[in-house]
């Protein structure tokens, strides 16, 4: 849900914020990987994992050098409401829930190709 400042920004750019339960659905993005257990997933691979659409993430840069092996893996895609909020915010989380600039390679907006 957008806060008041975000709603004002949305109004200025002509965006109509989501209402009620519109944003509760998982962000829809096309799968680009078949998770058959044989192929090795790549960073940004999107596939169904245990019935949930997920993204395979391998942290970039030195931010996660010590935790890299623990963080590599499949992460459930965010909701439409999450995407909406991050679009109007100055920070965006990584799949590990660390906040950074939206255009950082590890941010959800970058990983999903939205920025």
PDB file of N, CA and C in Angstrom:
ATOM      1  N   UNK A   1       0.839  -1.171   0.000  1.00  0.00           N
ATOM      2  CA  UNK A   1       0.000   0.000   0.000  1.00  0.00           C
ATOM      3  C   UNK A   1       0.889   1.242   0.000  1.00  0.00           C
ATOM      4  N   UNK A   2       0.594   2.163  -0.863  1.00  0.00           N
ATOM      5  CA  UNK A   2       1.374   3.381  -0.955  1.00  0.00           C
ATOM      6  C   UNK A   2       1.087   4.301   0.223  1.00  0.00           C
ATOM      7  N   UNK A   3       2.147   4.969   0.706  1.00  0.00           N
ATOM      8  CA  UNK A   3       1.921   5.967   1.752  1.00  0.00           C
ATOM      9  C   UNK A   3       1.460   7.262   1.086  1.00  0.00           C
ATOM     10  N   UNK A   4       1.152   8.270   1.874  1.00  0.00           N
ATOM     11  CA  UNK A   4       0.594   9.518   1.333  1.00  0.00           C
ATOM     12  C   UNK A   4       1.535  10.208   0.347  1.00  0.00           C
ATOM     13  N   UNK A   5       2.825  10.250   0.653  1.00  0.00           N
ATOM     14  CA  UNK A   5       3.793  10.873  -0.255  1.00  0.00           C
ATOM     15  C   UNK A   5       3.840  10.120  -1.580  1.00  0.00           C
ATOM     16  N   UNK A   6       3.862   8.798  -1.512  1.00  0.00           N
ATOM     17  CA  UNK A   6       3.891   7.987  -2.730  1.00  0.00           C
ATOM     18  C   UNK A   6       2.620   8.196  -3.552  1.00  0.00           C
ATOM     19  N   UNK A   7       1.486   8.352  -2.880  1.00  0.00           N
ATOM     20  CA  UNK A   7       0.221   8.603  -3.586  1.00  0.00           C
ATOM     21  C   UNK A   7       0.263   9.950  -4.303  1.00  0.00           C
ATOM     22  N   UNK A   8       0.893  10.943  -3.664  1.00  0.00           N
ATOM     23  CA  UNK A   8       1.022  12.253  -4.309  1.00  0.00           C
ATOM     24  C   UNK A   8       1.903  12.161  -5.557  1.00  0.00           C
ATOM     25  N   UNK A   9       2.995  11.432  -5.459  1.00  0.00           N
ATOM     26  CA  UNK A   9       3.876  11.236  -6.615  1.00  0.00           C
ATOM     27  C   UNK A   9       3.112  10.510  -7.719  1.00  0.00           C
ATOM     28  N   UNK A  10       2.371   9.479  -7.344  1.00  0.00           N
ATOM     29  CA  UNK A  10       1.588   8.725  -8.328  1.00  0.00           C
ATOM     30  C   UNK A  10       0.610   9.635  -9.053  1.00  0.00           C
ATOM     31  N   UNK A  11      -0.043  10.518  -8.328  1.00  0.00           N
ATOM     32  CA  UNK A  11      -1.017  11.438  -8.937  1.00  0.00           C
ATOM     33  C   UNK A  11      -0.336  12.374  -9.933  1.00  0.00           C
ATOM     34  N   UNK A  12       0.857  12.854  -9.582  1.00  0.00           N
ATOM     35  CA  UNK A  12       1.583  13.772 -10.462  1.00  0.00           C
ATOM     36  C   UNK A  12       1.957  13.096 -11.787  1.00  0.00           C
ATOM     37  N   UNK A  13       2.340  11.815 -11.719  1.00  0.00           N
ATOM     38  CA  UNK A  13       2.737  11.115 -12.952  1.00  0.00           C
ATOM     39  C   UNK A  13       1.562  10.414 -13.636  1.00  0.00           C
ATOM     40  N   UNK A  14       0.373  10.559 -13.075  1.00  0.00           N
ATOM     41  CA  UNK A  14      -0.820   9.990 -13.699  1.00  0.00           C
ATOM     42  C   UNK A  14      -1.042   8.514 -13.436  1.00  0.00           C
ATOM     43  N   UNK A  15      -0.437   7.992 -12.391  1.00  0.00           N
ATOM     44  CA  UNK A  15      -0.602   6.581 -12.039  1.00  0.00           C
ATOM     45  C   UNK A  15      -1.770   6.413 -11.077  1.00  0.00           C
ATOM     46  N   UNK A  16      -2.605   5.417 -11.327  1.00  0.00           N
ATOM     47  CA  UNK A  16      -3.720   5.113 -10.438  1.00  0.00           C
ATOM     48  C   UNK A  16      -3.292   3.934  -9.552  1.00  0.00           C
ATOM     49  N   UNK A  17      -3.116   4.175  -8.242  1.00  0.00           N
ATOM     50  CA  UNK A  17      -2.676   3.109  -7.339  1.00  0.00           C
ATOM     51  C   UNK A  17      -3.644   1.922  -7.309  1.00  0.00           C
ATOM     52  N   UNK A  18      -3.102   0.779  -6.965  1.00  0.00           N
ATOM     53  CA  UNK A  18      -3.901  -0.436  -6.829  1.00  0.00           C
ATOM     54  C   UNK A  18      -4.939  -0.257  -5.730  1.00  0.00           C
ATOM     55  N   UNK A  19      -6.056  -0.919  -5.891  1.00  0.00           N
ATOM     56  CA  UNK A  19      -7.113  -0.855  -4.890  1.00  0.00           C
ATOM     57  C   UNK A  19      -7.414  -2.250  -4.353  1.00  0.00           C
ATOM     58  N   UNK A  20      -7.870  -2.287  -3.111  1.00  0.00           N
ATOM     59  CA  UNK A  20      -8.324  -3.507  -2.448  1.00  0.00           C
ATOM     60  C   UNK A  20      -7.314  -4.636  -2.591  1.00  0.00           C
ATOM     61  N   UNK A  21      -7.730  -5.759  -3.168  1.00  0.00           N
ATOM     62  CA  UNK A  21      -6.870  -6.940  -3.262  1.00  0.00           C
ATOM     63  C   UNK A  21      -6.126  -7.057  -4.588  1.00  0.00           C
ATOM     64  N   UNK A  22      -6.169  -6.018  -5.404  1.00  0.00           N
ATOM     65  CA  UNK A  22      -5.502  -6.073  -6.705  1.00  0.00           C
ATOM     66  C   UNK A  22      -4.021  -6.425  -6.601  1.00  0.00           C
ATOM     67  N   UNK A  23      -3.367  -5.952  -5.582  1.00  0.00           N
ATOM     68  CA  UNK A  23      -1.930  -6.125  -5.469  1.00  0.00           C
ATOM     69  C   UNK A  23      -1.465  -7.383  -4.788  1.00  0.00           C
ATOM     70  N   UNK A  24      -2.381  -8.225  -4.341  1.00  0.00           N
ATOM     71  CA  UNK A  24      -2.001  -9.416  -3.583  1.00  0.00           C
ATOM     72  C   UNK A  24      -1.498 -10.565  -4.452  1.00  0.00           C
ATOM     73  N   UNK A  25      -1.696 -10.456  -5.754  1.00  0.00           N
ATOM     74  CA  UNK A  25      -1.240 -11.519  -6.654  1.00  0.00           C
ATOM     75  C   UNK A  25       0.266 -11.428  -6.853  1.00  0.00           C
ATOM     76  N   UNK A  26       0.887 -12.563  -7.112  1.00  0.00           N
ATOM     77  CA  UNK A  26       2.305 -12.591  -7.417  1.00  0.00           C
ATOM     78  C   UNK A  26       2.548 -11.843  -8.718  1.00  0.00           C
ATOM     79  N   UNK A  27       3.637 -11.072  -8.755  1.00  0.00           N
ATOM     80  CA  UNK A  27       3.992 -10.341  -9.970  1.00  0.00           C
ATOM     81  C   UNK A  27       4.140 -11.345 -11.109  1.00  0.00           C
ATOM     82  N   UNK A  28       3.467 -11.075 -12.206  1.00  0.00           N
ATOM     83  CA  UNK A  28       3.450 -12.016 -13.331  1.00  0.00           C
ATOM     84  C   UNK A  28       4.620 -11.730 -14.269  1.00  0.00           C
ATOM     85  N   UNK A  29       5.456 -12.710 -14.414  1.00  0.00           N
ATOM     86  CA  UNK A  29       6.587 -12.638 -15.339  1.00  0.00           C
ATOM     87  C   UNK A  29       6.731 -14.021 -15.972  1.00  0.00           C
ATOM     88  N   UNK A  30       7.117 -14.030 -17.230  1.00  0.00           N
ATOM     89  CA  UNK A  30       7.199 -15.281 -17.969  1.00  0.00           C
ATOM     90  C   UNK A  30       8.365 -16.143 -17.490  1.00  0.00           C
ATOM     91  N   UNK A  31       8.134 -17.439 -17.374  1.00  0.00           N
ATOM     92  CA  UNK A  31       9.207 -18.367 -17.014  1.00  0.00           C
ATOM     93  C   UNK A  31      10.231 -18.409 -18.145  1.00  0.00           C
ATOM     94  N   UNK A  32      11.505 -18.548 -17.766  1.00  0.00           N
ATOM     95  CA  UNK A  32      12.569 -18.640 -18.762  1.00  0.00           C
ATOM     96  C   UNK A  32      13.510 -19.812 -18.478  1.00  0.00           C
ATOM     97  N   UNK A  33      13.049 -20.739 -17.625  1.00  0.00           N
ATOM     98  CA  UNK A  33      13.874 -21.871 -17.220  1.00  0.00           C
ATOM     99  C   UNK A  33      12.965 -23.044 -16.886  1.00  0.00           C
ATOM    100  N   UNK A  34      13.358 -24.228 -17.289  1.00  0.00           N
ATOM    101  CA  UNK A  34      12.608 -25.436 -16.941  1.00  0.00           C
ATOM    102  C   UNK A  34      13.335 -26.099 -15.777  1.00  0.00           C
ATOM    103  N   UNK A  35      12.679 -26.094 -14.636  1.00  0.00           N
ATOM    104  CA  UNK A  35      13.268 -26.637 -13.417  1.00  0.00           C
ATOM    105  C   UNK A  35      13.026 -28.145 -13.374  1.00  0.00           C
ATOM    106  N   UNK A  36      13.839 -28.882 -14.140  1.00  0.00           N
ATOM    107  CA  UNK A  36      13.662 -30.333 -14.219  1.00  0.00           C
ATOM    108  C   UNK A  36      14.666 -31.097 -13.372  1.00  0.00           C
ATOM    109  N   UNK A  37      15.498 -30.376 -12.625  1.00  0.00           N
ATOM    110  CA  UNK A  37      16.488 -31.026 -11.782  1.00  0.00           C
ATOM    111  C   UNK A  37      17.757 -31.393 -12.517  1.00  0.00           C
ATOM    112  N   UNK A  38      17.785 -31.224 -13.824  1.00  0.00           N
ATOM    113  CA  UNK A  38      18.972 -31.568 -14.617  1.00  0.00           C
ATOM    114  C   UNK A  38      19.760 -30.325 -15.003  1.00  0.00           C
ATOM    115  N   UNK A  39      19.059 -29.297 -15.460  1.00  0.00           N
ATOM    116  CA  UNK A  39      19.720 -28.074 -15.900  1.00  0.00           C
ATOM    117  C   UNK A  39      20.173 -27.249 -14.693  1.00  0.00           C
ATOM    118  N   UNK A  40      21.279 -26.550 -14.865  1.00  0.00           N
ATOM    119  CA  UNK A  40      21.789 -25.688 -13.802  1.00  0.00           C
ATOM    120  C   UNK A  40      21.164 -24.304 -13.976  1.00  0.00           C
ATOM    121  N   UNK A  41      20.450 -23.806 -12.956  1.00  0.00           N
ATOM    122  CA  UNK A  41      19.815 -22.488 -13.093  1.00  0.00           C
ATOM    123  C   UNK A  41      20.841 -21.367 -13.172  1.00  0.00           C
ATOM    124  N   UNK A  42      20.466 -20.304 -13.825  1.00  0.00           N
ATOM    125  CA  UNK A  42      21.315 -19.127 -13.972  1.00  0.00           C
ATOM    126  C   UNK A  42      20.716 -17.984 -13.165  1.00  0.00           C
ATOM    127  N   UNK A  43      21.532 -16.974 -12.878  1.00  0.00           N
ATOM    128  CA  UNK A  43      21.053 -15.826 -12.123  1.00  0.00           C
ATOM    129  C   UNK A  43      19.918 -15.162 -12.895  1.00  0.00           C
ATOM    130  N   UNK A  44      18.770 -15.019 -12.257  1.00  0.00           N
ATOM    131  CA  UNK A  44      17.603 -14.427 -12.899  1.00  0.00           C
ATOM    132  C   UNK A  44      16.671 -15.439 -13.549  1.00  0.00           C
ATOM    133  N   UNK A  45      16.998 -16.728 -13.435  1.00  0.00           N
ATOM    134  CA  UNK A  45      16.114 -17.764 -13.986  1.00  0.00           C
ATOM    135  C   UNK A  45      14.773 -17.688 -13.263  1.00  0.00           C
ATOM    136  N   UNK A  46      13.695 -17.847 -14.014  1.00  0.00           N
ATOM    137  CA  UNK A  46      12.352 -17.822 -13.432  1.00  0.00           C
ATOM    138  C   UNK A  46      11.666 -19.133 -13.792  1.00  0.00           C
ATOM    139  N   UNK A  47      11.177 -19.824 -12.772  1.00  0.00           N
ATOM    140  CA  UNK A  47      10.558 -21.126 -12.994  1.00  0.00           C
ATOM    141  C   UNK A  47       9.602 -21.436 -11.845  1.00  0.00           C
ATOM    142  N   UNK A  48       8.794 -22.456 -12.056  1.00  0.00           N
ATOM    143  CA  UNK A  48       7.934 -22.968 -10.991  1.00  0.00           C
ATOM    144  C   UNK A  48       8.785 -23.873 -10.103  1.00  0.00           C
ATOM    145  N   UNK A  49       8.763 -23.593  -8.808  1.00  0.00           N
ATOM    146  CA  UNK A  49       9.502 -24.403  -7.839  1.00  0.00           C
ATOM    147  C   UNK A  49       8.518 -24.778  -6.742  1.00  0.00           C
ATOM    148  N   UNK A  50       8.237 -26.059  -6.628  1.00  0.00           N
ATOM    149  CA  UNK A  50       7.260 -26.548  -5.649  1.00  0.00           C
ATOM    150  C   UNK A  50       5.922 -25.827  -5.790  1.00  0.00           C
ATOM    151  N   UNK A  51       5.504 -25.575  -7.032  1.00  0.00           N
ATOM    152  CA  UNK A  51       4.218 -24.949  -7.312  1.00  0.00           C
ATOM    153  C   UNK A  51       4.186 -23.447  -7.132  1.00  0.00           C
ATOM    154  N   UNK A  52       5.342 -22.836  -6.879  1.00  0.00           N
ATOM    155  CA  UNK A  52       5.429 -21.379  -6.671  1.00  0.00           C
ATOM    156  C   UNK A  52       6.370 -20.783  -7.702  1.00  0.00           C
ATOM    157  N   UNK A  53       5.911 -19.738  -8.394  1.00  0.00           N
ATOM    158  CA  UNK A  53       6.780 -19.072  -9.356  1.00  0.00           C
ATOM    159  C   UNK A  53       7.891 -18.366  -8.597  1.00  0.00           C
ATOM    160  N   UNK A  54       9.136 -18.677  -8.971  1.00  0.00           N
ATOM    161  CA  UNK A  54      10.291 -18.211  -8.211  1.00  0.00           C
ATOM    162  C   UNK A  54      11.411 -17.743  -9.125  1.00  0.00           C
ATOM    163  N   UNK A  55      12.331 -16.967  -8.543  1.00  0.00           N
ATOM    164  CA  UNK A  55      13.493 -16.458  -9.255  1.00  0.00           C
ATOM    165  C   UNK A  55      14.739 -17.019  -8.599  1.00  0.00           C
ATOM    166  N   UNK A  56      15.692 -17.455  -9.430  1.00  0.00           N
ATOM    167  CA  UNK A  56      16.963 -17.961  -8.921  1.00  0.00           C
ATOM    168  C   UNK A  56      17.915 -16.789  -8.786  1.00  0.00           C
ATOM    169  N   UNK A  57      18.453 -16.594  -7.585  1.00  0.00           N
ATOM    170  CA  UNK A  57      19.303 -15.439  -7.311  1.00  0.00           C
ATOM    171  C   UNK A  57      20.683 -15.849  -6.852  1.00  0.00           C
ATOM    172  N   UNK A  58      21.683 -15.234  -7.488  1.00  0.00           N
ATOM    173  CA  UNK A  58      23.076 -15.330  -7.065  1.00  0.00           C
ATOM    174  C   UNK A  58      23.536 -13.899  -6.831  1.00  0.00           C
ATOM    175  N   UNK A  59      23.789 -13.506  -5.579  1.00  0.00           N
ATOM    176  CA  UNK A  59      24.183 -12.129  -5.300  1.00  0.00           C
ATOM    177  C   UNK A  59      25.369 -11.673  -6.149  1.00  0.00           C
ATOM    178  N   UNK A  60      25.328 -10.413  -6.563  1.00  0.00           N
ATOM    179  CA  UNK A  60      26.374  -9.817  -7.383  1.00  0.00           C
ATOM    180  C   UNK A  60      27.292  -8.953  -6.528  1.00  0.00           C
ATOM    181  N   UNK A  61      28.504  -8.744  -6.972  1.00  0.00           N
ATOM    182  CA  UNK A  61      29.435  -7.863  -6.272  1.00  0.00           C
ATOM    183  C   UNK A  61      29.953  -8.466  -4.984  1.00  0.00           C
ATOM    184  N   UNK A  62      30.562  -7.607  -4.182  1.00  0.00           N
ATOM    185  CA  UNK A  62      31.191  -8.061  -2.943  1.00  0.00           C
ATOM    186  C   UNK A  62      30.300  -7.945  -1.716  1.00  0.00           C
ATOM    187  N   UNK A  63      29.066  -7.454  -1.892  1.00  0.00           N
ATOM    188  CA  UNK A  63      28.184  -7.237  -0.743  1.00  0.00           C
ATOM    189  C   UNK A  63      27.954  -8.501   0.079  1.00  0.00           C
ATOM    190  N   UNK A  64      27.930  -9.637  -0.582  1.00  0.00           N
ATOM    191  CA  UNK A  64      27.579 -10.886   0.088  1.00  0.00           C
ATOM    192  C   UNK A  64      28.684 -11.931  -0.032  1.00  0.00           C
ATOM    193  N   UNK A  65      29.931 -11.501  -0.099  1.00  0.00           N
ATOM    194  CA  UNK A  65      31.037 -12.428  -0.316  1.00  0.00           C
ATOM    195  C   UNK A  65      31.050 -13.567   0.705  1.00  0.00           C
ATOM    196  N   UNK A  66      30.862 -13.248   1.969  1.00  0.00           N
ATOM    197  CA  UNK A  66      30.917 -14.276   3.014  1.00  0.00           C
ATOM    198  C   UNK A  66      29.654 -15.130   3.068  1.00  0.00           C
ATOM    199  N   UNK A  67      28.518 -14.586   2.643  1.00  0.00           N
ATOM    200  CA  UNK A  67      27.240 -15.298   2.734  1.00  0.00           C
ATOM    201  C   UNK A  67      26.799 -15.891   1.404  1.00  0.00           C
ATOM    202  N   UNK A  68      27.581 -15.702   0.365  1.00  0.00           N
ATOM    203  CA  UNK A  68      27.167 -16.045  -0.989  1.00  0.00           C
ATOM    204  C   UNK A  68      26.533 -17.434  -1.080  1.00  0.00           C
ATOM    205  N   UNK A  69      27.233 -18.457  -0.627  1.00  0.00           N
ATOM    206  CA  UNK A  69      26.730 -19.830  -0.756  1.00  0.00           C
ATOM    207  C   UNK A  69      25.416 -20.055  -0.019  1.00  0.00           C
ATOM    208  N   UNK A  70      25.222 -19.357   1.088  1.00  0.00           N
ATOM    209  CA  UNK A  70      23.982 -19.503   1.854  1.00  0.00           C
ATOM    210  C   UNK A  70      22.802 -18.809   1.181  1.00  0.00           C
ATOM    211  N   UNK A  71      23.084 -17.794   0.356  1.00  0.00           N
ATOM    212  CA  UNK A  71      22.012 -17.002  -0.257  1.00  0.00           C
ATOM    213  C   UNK A  71      21.609 -17.469  -1.651  1.00  0.00           C
ATOM    214  N   UNK A  72      22.494 -18.131  -2.354  1.00  0.00           N
ATOM    215  CA  UNK A  72      22.174 -18.585  -3.711  1.00  0.00           C
ATOM    216  C   UNK A  72      21.012 -19.568  -3.648  1.00  0.00           C
ATOM    217  N   UNK A  73      20.000 -19.300  -4.478  1.00  0.00           N
ATOM    218  CA  UNK A  73      18.875 -20.225  -4.513  1.00  0.00           C
ATOM    219  C   UNK A  73      17.620 -19.597  -5.066  1.00  0.00           C
ATOM    220  N   UNK A  74      16.510 -20.305  -4.909  1.00  0.00           N
ATOM    221  CA  UNK A  74      15.218 -19.884  -5.431  1.00  0.00           C
ATOM    222  C   UNK A  74      14.471 -19.037  -4.409  1.00  0.00           C
ATOM    223  N   UNK A  75      13.870 -17.937  -4.894  1.00  0.00           N
ATOM    224  CA  UNK A  75      13.105 -17.027  -4.042  1.00  0.00           C
ATOM    225  C   UNK A  75      11.749 -16.764  -4.688  1.00  0.00           C
ATOM    226  N   UNK A  76      10.701 -16.837  -3.882  1.00  0.00           N
ATOM    227  CA  UNK A  76       9.355 -16.571  -4.374  1.00  0.00           C
ATOM    228  C   UNK A  76       9.260 -15.148  -4.905  1.00  0.00           C
ATOM    229  N   UNK A  77       8.602 -15.003  -6.044  1.00  0.00           N
ATOM    230  CA  UNK A  77       8.448 -13.676  -6.641  1.00  0.00           C
ATOM    231  C   UNK A  77       7.606 -12.780  -5.734  1.00  0.00           C
ATOM    232  N   UNK A  78       7.889 -11.483  -5.754  1.00  0.00           N
ATOM    233  CA  UNK A  78       7.108 -10.542  -4.940  1.00  0.00           C
ATOM    234  C   UNK A  78       5.705 -10.339  -5.507  1.00  0.00           C
ATOM    235  N   UNK A  79       4.863  -9.669  -4.735  1.00  0.00           N
ATOM    236  CA  UNK A  79       3.508  -9.371  -5.190  1.00  0.00           C
ATOM    237  C   UNK A  79       3.502  -8.100  -6.044  1.00  0.00           C
ATOM    238  N   UNK A  80       2.413  -7.886  -6.735  1.00  0.00           N
ATOM    239  CA  UNK A  80       2.227  -6.669  -7.523  1.00  0.00           C
ATOM    240  C   UNK A  80       2.279  -5.451  -6.608  1.00  0.00           C
ATOM    241  N   UNK A  81       1.712  -5.565  -5.426  1.00  0.00           N
ATOM    242  CA  UNK A  81       1.726  -4.468  -4.458  1.00  0.00           C
ATOM    243  C   UNK A  81       3.160  -4.127  -4.035  1.00  0.00           C
ATOM    244  N   UNK A  82       4.000  -5.148  -3.840  1.00  0.00           N
ATOM    245  CA  UNK A  82       5.405  -4.906  -3.512  1.00  0.00           C
ATOM    246  C   UNK A  82       6.083  -4.097  -4.617  1.00  0.00           C
ATOM    247  N   UNK A  83       5.878  -4.518  -5.852  1.00  0.00           N
ATOM    248  CA  UNK A  83       6.475  -3.834  -7.004  1.00  0.00           C
ATOM    249  C   UNK A  83       6.005  -2.379  -7.042  1.00  0.00           C
ATOM    250  N   UNK A  84       4.715  -2.168  -6.832  1.00  0.00           N
ATOM    251  CA  UNK A  84       4.168  -0.816  -6.838  1.00  0.00           C
ATOM    252  C   UNK A  84       4.865   0.042  -5.789  1.00  0.00           C
ATOM    253  N   UNK A  85       4.983  -0.472  -4.592  1.00  0.00           N
ATOM    254  CA  UNK A  85       5.592   0.294  -3.495  1.00  0.00           C
ATOM    255  C   UNK A  85       7.053   0.622  -3.799  1.00  0.00           C
ATOM    256  N   UNK A  86       7.816  -0.369  -4.266  1.00  0.00           N
ATOM    257  CA  UNK A  86       9.237  -0.155  -4.532  1.00  0.00           C
ATOM    258  C   UNK A  86       9.454   0.844  -5.667  1.00  0.00           C
ATOM    259  N   UNK A  87       8.522   0.895  -6.595  1.00  0.00           N
ATOM    260  CA  UNK A  87       8.633   1.814  -7.716  1.00  0.00           C
ATOM    261  C   UNK A  87       8.574   3.263  -7.245  1.00  0.00           C
ATOM    262  N   UNK A  88       7.821   3.516  -6.193  1.00  0.00           N
ATOM    263  CA  UNK A  88       7.660   4.868  -5.677  1.00  0.00           C
ATOM    264  C   UNK A  88       8.515   5.126  -4.439  1.00  0.00           C
ATOM    265  N   UNK A  89       9.485   4.280  -4.166  1.00  0.00           N
ATOM    266  CA  UNK A  89      10.315   4.422  -2.982  1.00  0.00           C
ATOM    267  C   UNK A  89      11.764   4.688  -3.404  1.00  0.00           C
ATOM    268  N   UNK A  90      12.591   5.068  -2.459  1.00  0.00           N
ATOM    269  CA  UNK A  90      13.999   5.328  -2.766  1.00  0.00           C
ATOM    270  C   UNK A  90      14.873   4.118  -2.480  1.00  0.00           C
ATOM    271  N   UNK A  91      14.274   3.047  -1.958  1.00  0.00           N
ATOM    272  CA  UNK A  91      15.002   1.810  -1.708  1.00  0.00           C
ATOM    273  C   UNK A  91      14.183   0.633  -2.219  1.00  0.00           C
ATOM    274  N   UNK A  92      14.882  -0.464  -2.452  1.00  0.00           N
ATOM    275  CA  UNK A  92      14.232  -1.695  -2.911  1.00  0.00           C
ATOM    276  C   UNK A  92      14.992  -2.859  -2.285  1.00  0.00           C
ATOM    277  N   UNK A  93      14.294  -3.857  -1.783  1.00  0.00           N
ATOM    278  CA  UNK A  93      15.003  -4.975  -1.164  1.00  0.00           C
ATOM    279  C   UNK A  93      15.599  -5.948  -2.183  1.00  0.00           C
ATOM    280  N   UNK A  94      16.535  -6.727  -1.688  1.00  0.00           N
ATOM    281  CA  UNK A  94      17.063  -7.872  -2.425  1.00  0.00           C
ATOM    282  C   UNK A  94      16.202  -9.073  -2.038  1.00  0.00           C
ATOM    283  N   UNK A  95      16.379 -10.201  -2.678  1.00  0.00           N
ATOM    284  CA  UNK A  95      15.669 -11.394  -2.203  1.00  0.00           C
ATOM    285  C   UNK A  95      16.014 -11.745  -0.750  1.00  0.00           C
ATOM    286  N   UNK A  96      17.189 -11.312  -0.272  1.00  0.00           N
ATOM    287  CA  UNK A  96      17.579 -11.558   1.123  1.00  0.00           C
ATOM    288  C   UNK A  96      17.026 -10.491   2.063  1.00  0.00           C
ATOM    289  N   UNK A  97      16.207  -9.576   1.503  1.00  0.00           N
ATOM    290  CA  UNK A  97      15.516  -8.522   2.247  1.00  0.00           C
ATOM    291  C   UNK A  97      16.415  -7.392   2.747  1.00  0.00           C
ATOM    292  N   UNK A  98      17.599  -7.251   2.152  1.00  0.00           N
ATOM    293  CA  UNK A  98      18.440  -6.096   2.450  1.00  0.00           C
ATOM    294  C   UNK A  98      17.987  -4.957   1.555  1.00  0.00           C
ATOM    295  N   UNK A  99      17.933  -3.744   2.093  1.00  0.00           N
ATOM    296  CA  UNK A  99      17.479  -2.602   1.303  1.00  0.00           C
ATOM    297  C   UNK A  99      18.665  -1.900   0.662  1.00  0.00           C
ATOM    298  N   UNK A 100      18.500  -1.566  -0.615  1.00  0.00           N
ATOM    299  CA  UNK A 100      19.514  -0.843  -1.359  1.00  0.00           C
ATOM    300  C   UNK A 100      18.844  -0.011  -2.433  1.00  0.00           C
ATOM    301  N   UNK A 101      19.627   0.669  -3.241  1.00  0.00           N
ATOM    302  CA  UNK A 101      19.041   1.510  -4.281  1.00  0.00           C
ATOM    303  C   UNK A 101      18.317   0.641  -5.303  1.00  0.00           C
ATOM    304  N   UNK A 102      17.204   1.126  -5.834  1.00  0.00           N
ATOM    305  CA  UNK A 102      16.410   0.326  -6.768  1.00  0.00           C
ATOM    306  C   UNK A 102      17.166  -0.159  -8.006  1.00  0.00           C
ATOM    307  N   UNK A 103      18.188   0.595  -8.458  1.00  0.00           N
ATOM    308  CA  UNK A 103      18.905   0.183  -9.662  1.00  0.00           C
ATOM    309  C   UNK A 103      20.120  -0.700  -9.387  1.00  0.00           C
ATOM    310  N   UNK A 104      20.317  -1.100  -8.134  1.00  0.00           N
ATOM    311  CA  UNK A 104      21.412  -2.026  -7.805  1.00  0.00           C
ATOM    312  C   UNK A 104      21.110  -3.372  -8.471  1.00  0.00           C
ATOM    313  N   UNK A 105      22.125  -4.061  -8.977  1.00  0.00           N
ATOM    314  CA  UNK A 105      21.888  -5.348  -9.661  1.00  0.00           C
ATOM    315  C   UNK A 105      21.195  -6.409  -8.809  1.00  0.00           C
ATOM    316  N   UNK A 106      21.270  -6.289  -7.480  1.00  0.00           N
ATOM    317  CA  UNK A 106      20.637  -7.278  -6.605  1.00  0.00           C
ATOM    318  C   UNK A 106      19.238  -6.890  -6.147  1.00  0.00           C
ATOM    319  N   UNK A 107      18.736  -5.711  -6.552  1.00  0.00           N
ATOM    320  CA  UNK A 107      17.389  -5.315  -6.131  1.00  0.00           C
ATOM    321  C   UNK A 107      16.356  -6.101  -6.933  1.00  0.00           C
ATOM    322  N   UNK A 108      15.201  -6.316  -6.324  1.00  0.00           N
ATOM    323  CA  UNK A 108      14.124  -7.023  -7.029  1.00  0.00           C
ATOM    324  C   UNK A 108      13.771  -6.319  -8.340  1.00  0.00           C
ATOM    325  N   UNK A 109      13.722  -4.990  -8.332  1.00  0.00           N
ATOM    326  CA  UNK A 109      13.354  -4.276  -9.561  1.00  0.00           C
ATOM    327  C   UNK A 109      14.355  -4.532 -10.682  1.00  0.00           C
ATOM    328  N   UNK A 110      15.634  -4.618 -10.345  1.00  0.00           N
ATOM    329  CA  UNK A 110      16.658  -4.932 -11.358  1.00  0.00           C
ATOM    330  C   UNK A 110      16.569  -6.391 -11.786  1.00  0.00           C
ATOM    331  N   UNK A 111      16.447  -7.283 -10.823  1.00  0.00           N
ATOM    332  CA  UNK A 111      16.391  -8.716 -11.137  1.00  0.00           C
ATOM    333  C   UNK A 111      15.213  -9.061 -12.053  1.00  0.00           C
ATOM    334  N   UNK A 112      14.115  -8.344 -11.882  1.00  0.00           N
ATOM    335  CA  UNK A 112      12.932  -8.603 -12.711  1.00  0.00           C
ATOM    336  C   UNK A 112      12.947  -7.811 -14.020  1.00  0.00           C
ATOM    337  N   UNK A 113      14.024  -7.039 -14.239  1.00  0.00           N
ATOM    338  CA  UNK A 113      14.164  -6.284 -15.482  1.00  0.00           C
ATOM    339  C   UNK A 113      13.229  -5.090 -15.561  1.00  0.00           C
ATOM    340  N   UNK A 114      12.825  -4.552 -14.413  1.00  0.00           N
ATOM    341  CA  UNK A 114      11.902  -3.423 -14.396  1.00  0.00           C
ATOM    342  C   UNK A 114      12.620  -2.094 -14.306  1.00  0.00           C
ATOM    343  N   UNK A 115      13.907  -2.127 -14.079  1.00  0.00           N
ATOM    344  CA  UNK A 115      14.677  -0.887 -13.999  1.00  0.00           C
ATOM    345  C   UNK A 115      16.030  -1.104 -14.643  1.00  0.00           C
TER     346      UNK A 115
END
